[in-house]
């Protein structure tokens, strides 16, 4: 990351996503692994056509915040959705954020927190 403030913002976003979705740290690590493989994270359009909020809207907001903090590249899709991809030269995300989530890279330790 370009500076320590950007790295701290990314770490905060990773923690917030882990706390805000049912699979916790394991789910976030799976997402980071997917991005590391060069696959896209696709989110619904900015307008939230799905309706008025709720858990999906909150999760989508957390994912967008994480995507911004990680500096992922946005690609608008014809459907109105947005694909987020790692840019060239970005470091591996899973290895960078496993310690933030209280996981070793093999994924063993439970993350406690407070």
Protein backbone atom coordinates (compact mmCIF):
# COMPACT_ATOMS: atom_id res chain seq x y z
CA UNK A 1 0.00 0.00 0.00
CA UNK A 2 1.13 3.49 -0.75
CA UNK A 3 1.42 4.53 2.89
CA UNK A 4 0.68 3.42 6.41
CA UNK A 5 -2.68 5.24 6.47
CA UNK A 6 -3.81 3.33 3.37
CA UNK A 7 -2.62 0.06 4.90
CA UNK A 8 -4.48 0.82 8.14
CA UNK A 9 -7.66 1.67 6.22
CA UNK A 10 -7.42 -1.61 4.31
CA UNK A 11 -6.89 -3.56 7.55
CA UNK A 12 -9.90 -1.83 9.14
CA UNK A 13 -12.03 -2.69 6.10
CA UNK A 14 -10.93 -6.34 6.23
CA UNK A 15 -11.85 -6.52 9.94
CA UNK A 16 -15.21 -4.81 9.35
CA UNK A 17 -16.09 -7.25 6.58
CA UNK A 18 -15.13 -10.23 8.76
CA UNK A 19 -17.38 -8.91 11.52
CA UNK A 20 -20.23 -8.07 9.15
CA UNK A 21 -20.75 -11.32 7.29
CA UNK A 22 -21.74 -14.80 8.44
CA UNK A 23 -18.56 -16.66 7.48
CA UNK A 24 -16.32 -14.31 9.44
CA UNK A 25 -12.57 -14.37 8.83
CA UNK A 26 -12.73 -17.59 6.80
CA UNK A 27 -15.11 -15.96 4.33
CA UNK A 28 -12.92 -12.91 3.97
CA UNK A 29 -9.82 -15.04 3.40
CA UNK A 30 -11.71 -17.02 0.74
CA UNK A 31 -12.61 -13.74 -0.99
CA UNK A 32 -9.01 -12.51 -0.85
CA UNK A 33 -7.83 -15.87 -2.24
CA UNK A 34 -10.31 -15.48 -5.12
CA UNK A 35 -8.96 -12.01 -5.91
CA UNK A 36 -5.38 -13.31 -5.71
CA UNK A 37 -6.26 -15.90 -8.38
CA UNK A 38 -7.26 -13.06 -10.70
CA UNK A 39 -10.99 -13.60 -10.40
CA UNK A 40 -13.37 -10.67 -10.08
CA UNK A 41 -15.63 -9.65 -7.23
CA UNK A 42 -18.90 -8.59 -8.87
CA UNK A 43 -21.30 -6.33 -6.98
CA UNK A 44 -24.70 -5.01 -7.97
CA UNK A 45 -24.95 -1.55 -9.42
CA UNK A 46 -24.43 1.51 -7.24
CA UNK A 47 -28.16 2.27 -7.12
CA UNK A 48 -29.06 -0.82 -5.11
CA UNK A 49 -31.84 -2.02 -7.40
CA UNK A 50 -32.51 -4.95 -5.07
CA UNK A 51 -34.68 -2.89 -2.77
CA UNK A 52 -34.39 -0.86 0.35
CA UNK A 53 -31.37 -1.94 2.28
CA UNK A 54 -31.22 -4.86 4.67
CA UNK A 55 -28.34 -7.27 5.23
CA UNK A 56 -27.41 -7.53 1.54
CA UNK A 57 -27.09 -3.75 1.24
CA UNK A 58 -24.94 -3.63 4.38
CA UNK A 59 -22.70 -6.43 3.08
CA UNK A 60 -22.44 -4.76 -0.32
CA UNK A 61 -21.39 -1.50 1.38
CA UNK A 62 -18.69 -3.36 3.35
CA UNK A 63 -17.45 -5.04 0.15
CA UNK A 64 -17.31 -1.69 -1.68
CA UNK A 65 -15.41 -0.13 1.22
CA UNK A 66 -12.94 -3.02 1.15
CA UNK A 67 -12.56 -2.80 -2.64
CA UNK A 68 -11.78 0.93 -2.38
CA UNK A 69 -9.34 0.41 0.50
CA UNK A 70 -7.52 -2.35 -1.40
CA UNK A 71 -7.27 -0.19 -4.51
CA UNK A 72 -9.08 -2.72 -6.68
CA UNK A 73 -9.79 -1.75 -10.28
CA UNK A 74 -13.48 -1.12 -11.05
CA UNK A 75 -14.95 -2.28 -14.33
CA UNK A 76 -18.58 -1.41 -15.05
CA UNK A 77 -20.45 -4.30 -16.68
CA UNK A 78 -23.28 -3.99 -19.24
CA UNK A 79 -25.70 -5.40 -16.66
CA UNK A 80 -25.09 -2.38 -14.42
CA UNK A 81 -23.03 -4.46 -11.99
CA UNK A 82 -19.43 -3.58 -11.20
CA UNK A 83 -16.50 -6.02 -11.31
CA UNK A 84 -13.57 -5.40 -8.97
CA UNK A 85 -10.15 -6.87 -9.82
CA UNK A 86 -6.63 -6.66 -8.43
CA UNK A 87 -4.38 -4.44 -10.46
CA UNK A 88 -1.11 -5.55 -11.97
CA UNK A 89 1.69 -5.71 -9.45
CA UNK A 90 -0.55 -5.69 -6.37
CA UNK A 91 0.84 -7.94 -3.62
CA UNK A 92 -0.96 -11.13 -2.55
CA UNK A 93 -3.94 -10.09 -0.44
CA UNK A 94 -4.46 -13.30 1.49
CA UNK A 95 -0.93 -13.31 2.90
CA UNK A 96 -1.09 -9.62 3.72
CA UNK A 97 -4.36 -9.80 5.66
CA UNK A 98 -4.34 -13.27 7.25
CA UNK A 99 -2.47 -11.86 10.30
CA UNK A 100 -5.00 -9.00 10.56
CA UNK A 101 -7.76 -11.57 10.86
CA UNK A 102 -5.92 -13.61 13.46
CA UNK A 103 -5.29 -16.41 10.98
CA UNK A 104 -1.99 -17.88 10.01
CA UNK A 105 -1.68 -18.44 6.29
CA UNK A 106 -2.76 -22.03 6.65
CA UNK A 107 -5.90 -20.73 8.33
CA UNK A 108 -5.76 -22.28 11.76
CA UNK A 109 -6.21 -19.93 14.63
CA UNK A 110 -9.58 -18.62 15.69
CA UNK A 111 -9.79 -14.86 15.61
CA UNK A 112 -10.86 -13.43 18.91
CA UNK A 113 -11.41 -9.79 19.29
CA UNK A 114 -12.63 -6.89 21.27
